[in-house]
Amino acid sequence: MSEVESSFPERASEIEETTDVMVLEEIADPELTLPVWEATGNADVDSALELMQDIDPESIHTHAEILSTVHGRLHNLMSQLDR
């Protein structure tokens, strides 16, 4: 049983293991790369998502902090929808 299957034994039959991994040999030209997201029209959501533009692919140590901040902002916005 794999690590994934042992973590979710009730869903083990649904898990497909793969060994295929795609690795880019060179960094893509930023001018040719499409944005990860498109503007939503909601200024609060867009400002949260814009923080992801600050992710430096060379500095993996900053990713968690930025993504946590984005998650927190989006979570707060979604929580306000219930009110």
C-alpha atoms as a PDB file:
ATOM      1  CA  MET A   1       0.000   0.000   0.000  1.00  0.00           C
ATOM      2  CA  SER A   2       1.416   3.390  -0.997  1.00  0.00           C
ATOM      3  CA  GLU A   3       1.727   6.391   1.310  1.00  0.00           C
ATOM      4  CA  VAL A   4      -1.270   8.030  -0.378  1.00  0.00           C
ATOM      5  CA  GLU A   5      -3.396   4.889  -0.022  1.00  0.00           C
ATOM      6  CA  SER A   6      -2.459   4.483   3.633  1.00  0.00           C
ATOM      7  CA  SER A   7      -3.446   8.117   4.260  1.00  0.00           C
ATOM      8  CA  PHE A   8      -6.871   7.578   2.693  1.00  0.00           C
ATOM      9  CA  PRO A   9      -7.651   3.851   3.063  1.00  0.00           C
ATOM     10  CA  GLU A  10     -11.375   4.364   2.469  1.00  0.00           C
ATOM     11  CA  ARG A  11     -10.598   5.790  -1.000  1.00  0.00           C
ATOM     12  CA  ALA A  12      -7.690   3.492  -1.928  1.00  0.00           C
ATOM     13  CA  SER A  13      -9.639   1.960  -4.817  1.00  0.00           C
ATOM     14  CA  GLU A  14     -10.063   5.423  -6.382  1.00  0.00           C
ATOM     15  CA  ILE A  15      -6.374   6.358  -6.308  1.00  0.00           C
ATOM     16  CA  GLU A  16      -4.309   5.874  -9.422  1.00  0.00           C
ATOM     17  CA  GLU A  17      -0.558   5.945  -8.973  1.00  0.00           C
ATOM     18  CA  THR A  18       1.605   7.339 -11.738  1.00  0.00           C
ATOM     19  CA  THR A  19       5.306   7.660 -12.210  1.00  0.00           C
ATOM     20  CA  ASP A  20       5.095  10.041 -15.149  1.00  0.00           C
ATOM     21  CA  VAL A  21       6.571  13.419 -14.323  1.00  0.00           C
ATOM     22  CA  MET A  22       6.986  16.285 -16.765  1.00  0.00           C
ATOM     23  CA  VAL A  23       9.966  18.527 -16.139  1.00  0.00           C
ATOM     24  CA  LEU A  24      10.655  21.678 -18.122  1.00  0.00           C
ATOM     25  CA  GLU A  25      14.269  21.933 -19.101  1.00  0.00           C
ATOM     26  CA  GLU A  26      14.158  25.683 -19.391  1.00  0.00           C
ATOM     27  CA  ILE A  27      12.210  28.497 -17.801  1.00  0.00           C
ATOM     28  CA  ALA A  28       9.350  29.695 -19.961  1.00  0.00           C
ATOM     29  CA  ASP A  29       9.565  33.180 -21.446  1.00  0.00           C
ATOM     30  CA  PRO A  30       7.319  35.401 -19.263  1.00  0.00           C
ATOM     31  CA  GLU A  31       6.212  37.290 -22.377  1.00  0.00           C
ATOM     32  CA  LEU A  32       4.777  34.045 -23.764  1.00  0.00           C
ATOM     33  CA  THR A  33       3.179  32.841 -20.538  1.00  0.00           C
ATOM     34  CA  LEU A  34      -0.519  33.456 -19.974  1.00  0.00           C
ATOM     35  CA  PRO A  35      -1.628  34.786 -16.592  1.00  0.00           C
ATOM     36  CA  VAL A  36      -2.651  32.198 -14.031  1.00  0.00           C
ATOM     37  CA  TRP A  37      -5.973  33.919 -13.490  1.00  0.00           C
ATOM     38  CA  GLU A  38      -8.200  36.482 -15.149  1.00  0.00           C
ATOM     39  CA  ALA A  39      -9.724  39.460 -13.392  1.00  0.00           C
ATOM     40  CA  THR A  40     -13.028  38.609 -11.719  1.00  0.00           C
ATOM     41  CA  GLY A  41     -14.440  42.111 -11.623  1.00  0.00           C
ATOM     42  CA  ASN A  42     -14.528  42.034  -7.813  1.00  0.00           C
ATOM     43  CA  ALA A  43     -11.819  44.381  -6.565  1.00  0.00           C
ATOM     44  CA  ASP A  44     -11.335  42.532  -3.265  1.00  0.00           C
ATOM     45  CA  VAL A  45     -10.944  39.139  -4.952  1.00  0.00           C
ATOM     46  CA  ASP A  46      -8.682  40.549  -7.648  1.00  0.00           C
ATOM     47  CA  SER A  47      -6.411  42.262  -5.108  1.00  0.00           C
ATOM     48  CA  ALA A  48      -6.047  38.987  -3.197  1.00  0.00           C
ATOM     49  CA  LEU A  49      -5.232  37.061  -6.362  1.00  0.00           C
ATOM     50  CA  GLU A  50      -2.741  39.708  -7.467  1.00  0.00           C
ATOM     51  CA  LEU A  51      -0.588  38.767  -4.487  1.00  0.00           C
ATOM     52  CA  MET A  52       0.238  35.549  -6.322  1.00  0.00           C
ATOM     53  CA  GLN A  53       2.082  37.680  -8.867  1.00  0.00           C
ATOM     54  CA  ASP A  54       4.647  38.270  -6.095  1.00  0.00           C
ATOM     55  CA  ILE A  55       5.574  34.581  -5.929  1.00  0.00           C
ATOM     56  CA  ASP A  56       9.220  34.256  -6.883  1.00  0.00           C
ATOM     57  CA  PRO A  57       9.797  30.866  -8.514  1.00  0.00           C
ATOM     58  CA  GLU A  58      13.390  30.944  -7.302  1.00  0.00           C
ATOM     59  CA  SER A  59      12.448  31.518  -3.639  1.00  0.00           C
ATOM     60  CA  ILE A  60      10.294  28.580  -2.605  1.00  0.00           C
ATOM     61  CA  HIS A  61      10.438  29.655   1.043  1.00  0.00           C
ATOM     62  CA  THR A  62       8.096  32.601   0.365  1.00  0.00           C
ATOM     63  CA  HIS A  63       5.388  30.556  -1.396  1.00  0.00           C
ATOM     64  CA  ALA A  64       3.594  29.290   1.711  1.00  0.00           C
ATOM     65  CA  GLU A  65       3.335  32.736   3.291  1.00  0.00           C
ATOM     66  CA  ILE A  66       1.940  34.342   0.135  1.00  0.00           C
ATOM     67  CA  LEU A  67      -0.502  31.506  -0.566  1.00  0.00           C
ATOM     68  CA  SER A  68      -1.624  31.531   3.068  1.00  0.00           C
ATOM     69  CA  THR A  69      -2.316  35.261   2.834  1.00  0.00           C
ATOM     70  CA  VAL A  70      -4.297  34.808  -0.396  1.00  0.00           C
ATOM     71  CA  HIS A  71      -6.243  31.915   1.143  1.00  0.00           C
ATOM     72  CA  GLY A  72      -7.033  33.972   4.242  1.00  0.00           C
ATOM     73  CA  ARG A  73      -8.302  36.921   2.233  1.00  0.00           C
ATOM     74  CA  LEU A  74     -10.454  34.754  -0.033  1.00  0.00           C
ATOM     75  CA  HIS A  75     -11.776  32.809   2.968  1.00  0.00           C
ATOM     76  CA  ASN A  76     -12.788  36.055   4.688  1.00  0.00           C
ATOM     77  CA  LEU A  77     -14.540  37.261   1.533  1.00  0.00           C
ATOM     78  CA  MET A  78     -16.431  33.976   1.213  1.00  0.00           C
ATOM     79  CA  SER A  79     -17.403  34.111   4.892  1.00  0.00           C
ATOM     80  CA  GLN A  80     -18.929  37.543   4.349  1.00  0.00           C
ATOM     81  CA  LEU A  81     -21.170  36.147   1.616  1.00  0.00           C
ATOM     82  CA  ASP A  82     -22.986  34.055   4.213  1.00  0.00           C
ATOM     83  CA  ARG A  83     -23.956  37.111   6.244  1.00  0.00           C
END
